[in-house]
PDB file of N, CA and C in Angstrom:
ATOM      1  N   MET A   1      -6.026  -7.528 -14.649  1.00  0.00           N
ATOM      2  CA  MET A   1      -6.090  -7.014 -13.287  1.00  0.00           C
ATOM      3  C   MET A   1      -7.549  -6.820 -12.880  1.00  0.00           C
ATOM      4  N   ASN A   2      -7.771  -6.789 -11.594  1.00  0.00           N
ATOM      5  CA  ASN A   2      -9.118  -6.539 -11.100  1.00  0.00           C
ATOM      6  C   ASN A   2      -9.097  -5.347 -10.152  1.00  0.00           C
ATOM      7  N   ARG A   3     -10.268  -4.884  -9.815  1.00  0.00           N
ATOM      8  CA  ARG A   3     -10.409  -3.718  -8.945  1.00  0.00           C
ATOM      9  C   ARG A   3     -11.139  -4.076  -7.650  1.00  0.00           C
ATOM     10  N   ILE A   4     -11.047  -5.324  -7.219  1.00  0.00           N
ATOM     11  CA  ILE A   4     -11.756  -5.753  -6.017  1.00  0.00           C
ATOM     12  C   ILE A   4     -11.336  -4.891  -4.831  1.00  0.00           C
ATOM     13  N   SER A   5     -10.056  -4.832  -4.583  1.00  0.00           N
ATOM     14  CA  SER A   5      -9.534  -4.108  -3.421  1.00  0.00           C
ATOM     15  C   SER A   5      -9.897  -2.631  -3.473  1.00  0.00           C
ATOM     16  N   GLN A   6      -9.736  -2.029  -4.644  1.00  0.00           N
ATOM     17  CA  GLN A   6     -10.026  -0.595  -4.798  1.00  0.00           C
ATOM     18  C   GLN A   6     -11.492  -0.290  -4.517  1.00  0.00           C
ATOM     19  N   LEU A   7     -12.388  -1.014  -5.128  1.00  0.00           N
ATOM     20  CA  LEU A   7     -13.815  -0.769  -4.933  1.00  0.00           C
ATOM     21  C   LEU A   7     -14.253  -1.106  -3.509  1.00  0.00           C
ATOM     22  N   ARG A   8     -13.694  -2.161  -2.963  1.00  0.00           N
ATOM     23  CA  ARG A   8     -14.009  -2.539  -1.589  1.00  0.00           C
ATOM     24  C   ARG A   8     -13.599  -1.426  -0.629  1.00  0.00           C
ATOM     25  N   ALA A   9     -12.376  -0.919  -0.790  1.00  0.00           N
ATOM     26  CA  ALA A   9     -11.878   0.143   0.086  1.00  0.00           C
ATOM     27  C   ALA A   9     -12.677   1.435  -0.096  1.00  0.00           C
ATOM     28  N   GLU A  10     -12.976   1.794  -1.337  1.00  0.00           N
ATOM     29  CA  GLU A  10     -13.763   2.998  -1.606  1.00  0.00           C
ATOM     30  C   GLU A  10     -15.150   2.905  -0.975  1.00  0.00           C
ATOM     31  N   GLY A  11     -15.677   1.694  -0.873  1.00  0.00           N
ATOM     32  CA  GLY A  11     -16.990   1.484  -0.289  1.00  0.00           C
ATOM     33  C   GLY A  11     -16.958   1.314   1.224  1.00  0.00           C
ATOM     34  N   GLY A  12     -15.762   1.362   1.802  1.00  0.00           N
ATOM     35  CA  GLY A  12     -15.640   1.227   3.244  1.00  0.00           C
ATOM     36  C   GLY A  12     -15.890  -0.181   3.758  1.00  0.00           C
ATOM     37  N   VAL A  13     -15.637  -1.166   2.915  1.00  0.00           N
ATOM     38  CA  VAL A  13     -15.859  -2.572   3.284  1.00  0.00           C
ATOM     39  C   VAL A  13     -14.509  -3.211   3.573  1.00  0.00           C
ATOM     40  N   SER A  14     -14.384  -3.846   4.717  1.00  0.00           N
ATOM     41  CA  SER A  14     -13.129  -4.514   5.050  1.00  0.00           C
ATOM     42  C   SER A  14     -13.008  -5.826   4.275  1.00  0.00           C
ATOM     43  N   GLN A  15     -11.786  -6.271   4.154  1.00  0.00           N
ATOM     44  CA  GLN A  15     -11.543  -7.542   3.485  1.00  0.00           C
ATOM     45  C   GLN A  15     -12.224  -8.675   4.252  1.00  0.00           C
ATOM     46  N   VAL A  16     -12.191  -8.597   5.569  1.00  0.00           N
ATOM     47  CA  VAL A  16     -12.830  -9.617   6.405  1.00  0.00           C
ATOM     48  C   VAL A  16     -14.334  -9.647   6.153  1.00  0.00           C
ATOM     49  N   ALA A  17     -14.964  -8.465   6.089  1.00  0.00           N
ATOM     50  CA  ALA A  17     -16.412  -8.395   5.874  1.00  0.00           C
ATOM     51  C   ALA A  17     -16.793  -8.983   4.516  1.00  0.00           C
ATOM     52  N   LEU A  18     -16.020  -8.663   3.476  1.00  0.00           N
ATOM     53  CA  LEU A  18     -16.320  -9.200   2.149  1.00  0.00           C
ATOM     54  C   LEU A  18     -16.112 -10.713   2.130  1.00  0.00           C
ATOM     55  N   ALA A  19     -15.035 -11.178   2.725  1.00  0.00           N
ATOM     56  CA  ALA A  19     -14.782 -12.626   2.771  1.00  0.00           C
ATOM     57  C   ALA A  19     -15.913 -13.343   3.493  1.00  0.00           C
ATOM     58  N   GLU A  20     -16.381 -12.763   4.600  1.00  0.00           N
ATOM     59  CA  GLU A  20     -17.487 -13.379   5.336  1.00  0.00           C
ATOM     60  C   GLU A  20     -18.764 -13.394   4.504  1.00  0.00           C
ATOM     61  N   ALA A  21     -19.034 -12.312   3.775  1.00  0.00           N
ATOM     62  CA  ALA A  21     -20.232 -12.257   2.930  1.00  0.00           C
ATOM     63  C   ALA A  21     -20.178 -13.332   1.839  1.00  0.00           C
ATOM     64  N   LEU A  22     -18.975 -13.653   1.408  1.00  0.00           N
ATOM     65  CA  LEU A  22     -18.791 -14.671   0.374  1.00  0.00           C
ATOM     66  C   LEU A  22     -18.741 -16.085   0.952  1.00  0.00           C
ATOM     67  N   GLY A  23     -18.525 -16.187   2.259  1.00  0.00           N
ATOM     68  CA  GLY A  23     -18.352 -17.503   2.866  1.00  0.00           C
ATOM     69  C   GLY A  23     -16.985 -18.090   2.567  1.00  0.00           C
ATOM     70  N   TRP A  24     -16.007 -17.217   2.340  1.00  0.00           N
ATOM     71  CA  TRP A  24     -14.649 -17.623   2.001  1.00  0.00           C
ATOM     72  C   TRP A  24     -13.705 -17.246   3.130  1.00  0.00           C
ATOM     73  N   SER A  25     -12.491 -17.785   3.068  1.00  0.00           N
ATOM     74  CA  SER A  25     -11.443 -17.349   3.985  1.00  0.00           C
ATOM     75  C   SER A  25     -10.906 -16.002   3.488  1.00  0.00           C
ATOM     76  N   GLN A  26     -10.353 -15.248   4.418  1.00  0.00           N
ATOM     77  CA  GLN A  26      -9.744 -13.976   4.034  1.00  0.00           C
ATOM     78  C   GLN A  26      -8.566 -14.219   3.090  1.00  0.00           C
ATOM     79  N   GLY A  27      -7.851 -15.309   3.300  1.00  0.00           N
ATOM     80  CA  GLY A  27      -6.716 -15.638   2.443  1.00  0.00           C
ATOM     81  C   GLY A  27      -7.115 -15.847   0.989  1.00  0.00           C
ATOM     82  N   ARG A  28      -8.236 -16.521   0.787  1.00  0.00           N
ATOM     83  CA  ARG A  28      -8.715 -16.740  -0.585  1.00  0.00           C
ATOM     84  C   ARG A  28      -9.017 -15.417  -1.259  1.00  0.00           C
ATOM     85  N   LEU A  29      -9.731 -14.539  -0.554  1.00  0.00           N
ATOM     86  CA  LEU A  29     -10.053 -13.230  -1.117  1.00  0.00           C
ATOM     87  C   LEU A  29      -8.778 -12.430  -1.368  1.00  0.00           C
ATOM     88  N   SER A  30      -7.844 -12.482  -0.433  1.00  0.00           N
ATOM     89  CA  SER A  30      -6.576 -11.777  -0.590  1.00  0.00           C
ATOM     90  C   SER A  30      -5.838 -12.238  -1.847  1.00  0.00           C
ATOM     91  N   ASN A  31      -5.858 -13.535  -2.102  1.00  0.00           N
ATOM     92  CA  ASN A  31      -5.208 -14.059  -3.306  1.00  0.00           C
ATOM     93  C   ASN A  31      -5.844 -13.500  -4.572  1.00  0.00           C
ATOM     94  N   TYR A  32      -7.155 -13.363  -4.583  1.00  0.00           N
ATOM     95  CA  TYR A  32      -7.839 -12.786  -5.744  1.00  0.00           C
ATOM     96  C   TYR A  32      -7.522 -11.302  -5.872  1.00  0.00           C
ATOM     97  N   GLU A  33      -7.553 -10.579  -4.757  1.00  0.00           N
ATOM     98  CA  GLU A  33      -7.279  -9.137  -4.795  1.00  0.00           C
ATOM     99  C   GLU A  33      -5.870  -8.837  -5.291  1.00  0.00           C
ATOM    100  N   SER A  34      -4.916  -9.643  -4.873  1.00  0.00           N
ATOM    101  CA  SER A  34      -3.511  -9.395  -5.228  1.00  0.00           C
ATOM    102  C   SER A  34      -3.145  -9.905  -6.617  1.00  0.00           C
ATOM    103  N   GLY A  35      -4.023 -10.695  -7.209  1.00  0.00           N
ATOM    104  CA  GLY A  35      -3.729 -11.250  -8.519  1.00  0.00           C
ATOM    105  C   GLY A  35      -2.940 -12.550  -8.467  1.00  0.00           C
ATOM    106  N   ARG A  36      -2.712 -13.083  -7.257  1.00  0.00           N
ATOM    107  CA  ARG A  36      -2.021 -14.369  -7.158  1.00  0.00           C
ATOM    108  C   ARG A  36      -2.875 -15.492  -7.734  1.00  0.00           C
ATOM    109  N   ARG A  37      -4.195 -15.321  -7.631  1.00  0.00           N
ATOM    110  CA  ARG A  37      -5.148 -16.259  -8.234  1.00  0.00           C
ATOM    111  C   ARG A  37      -6.150 -15.449  -9.038  1.00  0.00           C
ATOM    112  N   VAL A  38      -6.692 -16.047 -10.069  1.00  0.00           N
ATOM    113  CA  VAL A  38      -7.692 -15.387 -10.905  1.00  0.00           C
ATOM    114  C   VAL A  38      -9.016 -16.120 -10.720  1.00  0.00           C
ATOM    115  N   PRO A  39     -10.048 -15.396 -10.278  1.00  0.00           N
ATOM    116  CA  PRO A  39     -11.333 -16.066 -10.057  1.00  0.00           C
ATOM    117  C   PRO A  39     -11.996 -16.450 -11.379  1.00  0.00           C
ATOM    118  N   GLY A  40     -12.691 -17.569 -11.370  1.00  0.00           N
ATOM    119  CA  GLY A  40     -13.486 -17.955 -12.526  1.00  0.00           C
ATOM    120  C   GLY A  40     -14.748 -17.092 -12.593  1.00  0.00           C
ATOM    121  N   LEU A  41     -15.562 -17.333 -13.590  1.00  0.00           N
ATOM    122  CA  LEU A  41     -16.753 -16.518 -13.793  1.00  0.00           C
ATOM    123  C   LEU A  41     -17.717 -16.601 -12.611  1.00  0.00           C
ATOM    124  N   ALA A  42     -17.952 -17.793 -12.090  1.00  0.00           N
ATOM    125  CA  ALA A  42     -18.887 -17.941 -10.968  1.00  0.00           C
ATOM    126  C   ALA A  42     -18.384 -17.184  -9.739  1.00  0.00           C
ATOM    127  N   ASP A  43     -17.096 -17.290  -9.434  1.00  0.00           N
ATOM    128  CA  ASP A  43     -16.543 -16.565  -8.289  1.00  0.00           C
ATOM    129  C   ASP A  43     -16.543 -15.063  -8.540  1.00  0.00           C
ATOM    130  N   SER A  44     -16.289 -14.651  -9.772  1.00  0.00           N
ATOM    131  CA  SER A  44     -16.327 -13.226 -10.112  1.00  0.00           C
ATOM    132  C   SER A  44     -17.724 -12.657  -9.888  1.00  0.00           C
ATOM    133  N   ARG A  45     -18.718 -13.404 -10.326  1.00  0.00           N
ATOM    134  CA  ARG A  45     -20.100 -12.962 -10.114  1.00  0.00           C
ATOM    135  C   ARG A  45     -20.439 -12.919  -8.630  1.00  0.00           C
ATOM    136  N   ALA A  46     -19.945 -13.888  -7.875  1.00  0.00           N
ATOM    137  CA  ALA A  46     -20.186 -13.913  -6.427  1.00  0.00           C
ATOM    138  C   ALA A  46     -19.565 -12.689  -5.759  1.00  0.00           C
ATOM    139  N   ILE A  47     -18.386 -12.315  -6.178  1.00  0.00           N
ATOM    140  CA  ILE A  47     -17.722 -11.128  -5.623  1.00  0.00           C
ATOM    141  C   ILE A  47     -18.552  -9.883  -5.883  1.00  0.00           C
ATOM    142  N   VAL A  48     -19.024  -9.713  -7.103  1.00  0.00           N
ATOM    143  CA  VAL A  48     -19.844  -8.545  -7.454  1.00  0.00           C
ATOM    144  C   VAL A  48     -21.136  -8.542  -6.641  1.00  0.00           C
ATOM    145  N   THR A  49     -21.780  -9.678  -6.533  1.00  0.00           N
ATOM    146  CA  THR A  49     -23.023  -9.782  -5.760  1.00  0.00           C
ATOM    147  C   THR A  49     -22.777  -9.424  -4.297  1.00  0.00           C
ATOM    148  N   ALA A  50     -21.687  -9.937  -3.726  1.00  0.00           N
ATOM    149  CA  ALA A  50     -21.367  -9.649  -2.323  1.00  0.00           C
ATOM    150  C   ALA A  50     -21.049  -8.167  -2.133  1.00  0.00           C
ATOM    151  N   LEU A  51     -20.284  -7.582  -3.043  1.00  0.00           N
ATOM    152  CA  LEU A  51     -19.984  -6.153  -2.939  1.00  0.00           C
ATOM    153  C   LEU A  51     -21.266  -5.329  -2.968  1.00  0.00           C
ATOM    154  N   ASN A  52     -22.157  -5.663  -3.889  1.00  0.00           N
ATOM    155  CA  ASN A  52     -23.430  -4.940  -3.979  1.00  0.00           C
ATOM    156  C   ASN A  52     -24.253  -5.109  -2.705  1.00  0.00           C
ATOM    157  N   SER A  53     -24.257  -6.301  -2.131  1.00  0.00           N
ATOM    158  CA  SER A  53     -25.022  -6.538  -0.907  1.00  0.00           C
ATOM    159  C   SER A  53     -24.462  -5.745   0.271  1.00  0.00           C
ATOM    160  N   LEU A  54     -23.183  -5.382   0.186  1.00  0.00           N
ATOM    161  CA  LEU A  54     -22.535  -4.600   1.240  1.00  0.00           C
ATOM    162  C   LEU A  54     -22.544  -3.107   0.941  1.00  0.00           C
ATOM    163  N   GLY A  55     -23.272  -2.707  -0.110  1.00  0.00           N
ATOM    164  CA  GLY A  55     -23.437  -1.293  -0.415  1.00  0.00           C
ATOM    165  C   GLY A  55     -22.491  -0.716  -1.442  1.00  0.00           C
ATOM    166  N   VAL A  56     -21.642  -1.547  -2.031  1.00  0.00           N
ATOM    167  CA  VAL A  56     -20.736  -1.076  -3.077  1.00  0.00           C
ATOM    168  C   VAL A  56     -21.410  -1.368  -4.413  1.00  0.00           C
ATOM    169  N   ILE A  57     -22.038  -0.372  -4.988  1.00  0.00           N
ATOM    170  CA  ILE A  57     -22.783  -0.568  -6.229  1.00  0.00           C
ATOM    171  C   ILE A  57     -21.796  -0.652  -7.393  1.00  0.00           C
ATOM    172  N   CYS A  58     -21.745  -1.822  -8.009  1.00  0.00           N
ATOM    173  CA  CYS A  58     -20.791  -2.062  -9.083  1.00  0.00           C
ATOM    174  C   CYS A  58     -21.308  -3.173  -9.989  1.00  0.00           C
ATOM    175  N   SER A  59     -20.697  -3.246 -11.150  1.00  0.00           N
ATOM    176  CA  SER A  59     -21.033  -4.291 -12.119  1.00  0.00           C
ATOM    177  C   SER A  59     -19.819  -5.197 -12.311  1.00  0.00           C
ATOM    178  N   LEU A  60     -20.027  -6.275 -13.025  1.00  0.00           N
ATOM    179  CA  LEU A  60     -18.929  -7.185 -13.328  1.00  0.00           C
ATOM    180  C   LEU A  60     -17.809  -6.444 -14.051  1.00  0.00           C
ATOM    181  N   ASP A  61     -18.160  -5.575 -14.999  1.00  0.00           N
ATOM    182  CA  ASP A  61     -17.150  -4.822 -15.746  1.00  0.00           C
ATOM    183  C   ASP A  61     -16.440  -3.790 -14.876  1.00  0.00           C
ATOM    184  N   ASP A  62     -17.099  -3.279 -13.830  1.00  0.00           N
ATOM    185  CA  ASP A  62     -16.440  -2.358 -12.908  1.00  0.00           C
ATOM    186  C   ASP A  62     -15.340  -3.067 -12.129  1.00  0.00           C
ATOM    187  N   VAL A  63     -15.639  -4.260 -11.665  1.00  0.00           N
ATOM    188  CA  VAL A  63     -14.703  -5.003 -10.823  1.00  0.00           C
ATOM    189  C   VAL A  63     -13.637  -5.707 -11.670  1.00  0.00           C
ATOM    190  N   PHE A  64     -14.052  -6.212 -12.809  1.00  0.00           N
ATOM    191  CA  PHE A  64     -13.141  -6.933 -13.708  1.00  0.00           C
ATOM    192  C   PHE A  64     -13.206  -6.276 -15.088  1.00  0.00           C
ATOM    193  N   PRO A  65     -12.515  -5.146 -15.267  1.00  0.00           N
ATOM    194  CA  PRO A  65     -12.575  -4.428 -16.547  1.00  0.00           C
ATOM    195  C   PRO A  65     -12.156  -5.319 -17.712  1.00  0.00           C
ATOM    196  N   PRO A  66     -12.938  -5.306 -18.786  1.00  0.00           N
ATOM    197  CA  PRO A  66     -12.645  -6.182 -19.932  1.00  0.00           C
ATOM    198  C   PRO A  66     -11.278  -5.953 -20.539  1.00  0.00           C
ATOM    199  N   ASP A  67     -10.775  -4.716 -20.475  1.00  0.00           N
ATOM    200  CA  ASP A  67      -9.463  -4.418 -21.061  1.00  0.00           C
ATOM    201  C   ASP A  67      -8.323  -4.643 -20.082  1.00  0.00           C
ATOM    202  N   GLY A  68      -8.674  -5.084 -18.847  1.00  0.00           N
ATOM    203  CA  GLY A  68      -7.653  -5.336 -17.845  1.00  0.00           C
ATOM    204  C   GLY A  68      -7.198  -4.098 -17.096  1.00  0.00           C
ATOM    205  N   GLY A  69      -7.716  -2.937 -17.478  1.00  0.00           N
ATOM    206  CA  GLY A  69      -7.352  -1.686 -16.819  1.00  0.00           C
ATOM    207  C   GLY A  69      -8.500  -1.136 -16.012  1.00  0.00           C
ATOM    208  N   ALA A  70      -8.509   0.167 -15.861  1.00  0.00           N
ATOM    209  CA  ALA A  70      -9.565   0.831 -15.111  1.00  0.00           C
ATOM    210  C   ALA A  70     -10.848   0.803 -15.926  1.00  0.00           C
ATOM    211  N   ALA A  71     -11.965   0.693 -15.236  1.00  0.00           N
ATOM    212  CA  ALA A  71     -13.267   0.691 -15.909  1.00  0.00           C
ATOM    213  C   ALA A  71     -13.550   2.051 -16.509  1.00  0.00           C
ATOM    214  N   ALA A  72     -14.273   2.064 -17.598  1.00  0.00           N
ATOM    215  CA  ALA A  72     -14.620   3.315 -18.254  1.00  0.00           C
ATOM    216  C   ALA A  72     -15.553   4.131 -17.368  1.00  0.00           C
ATOM    217  N   ALA A  73     -15.383   5.430 -17.440  1.00  0.00           N
ATOM    218  CA  ALA A  73     -16.219   6.327 -16.613  1.00  0.00           C
ATOM    219  C   ALA A  73     -17.584   6.513 -17.218  1.00  0.00           C
TER     220      ALA A  73
END
């Protein structure tokens, strides 16, 4: 599982804004957020970079926890 939606919402970033920052369609981002699709490493890094550029300070492990659950505090 990933925490894209959770971190995005906590940071006050809309799905549309994040999709635009990535240069993607909202549908593509929605598929990643819902788990219908799993992003590869390059797309995962792009998501983290875009979130950070929009003020959501996070790391790859925050967004994509290695254990598949919530990131460690």
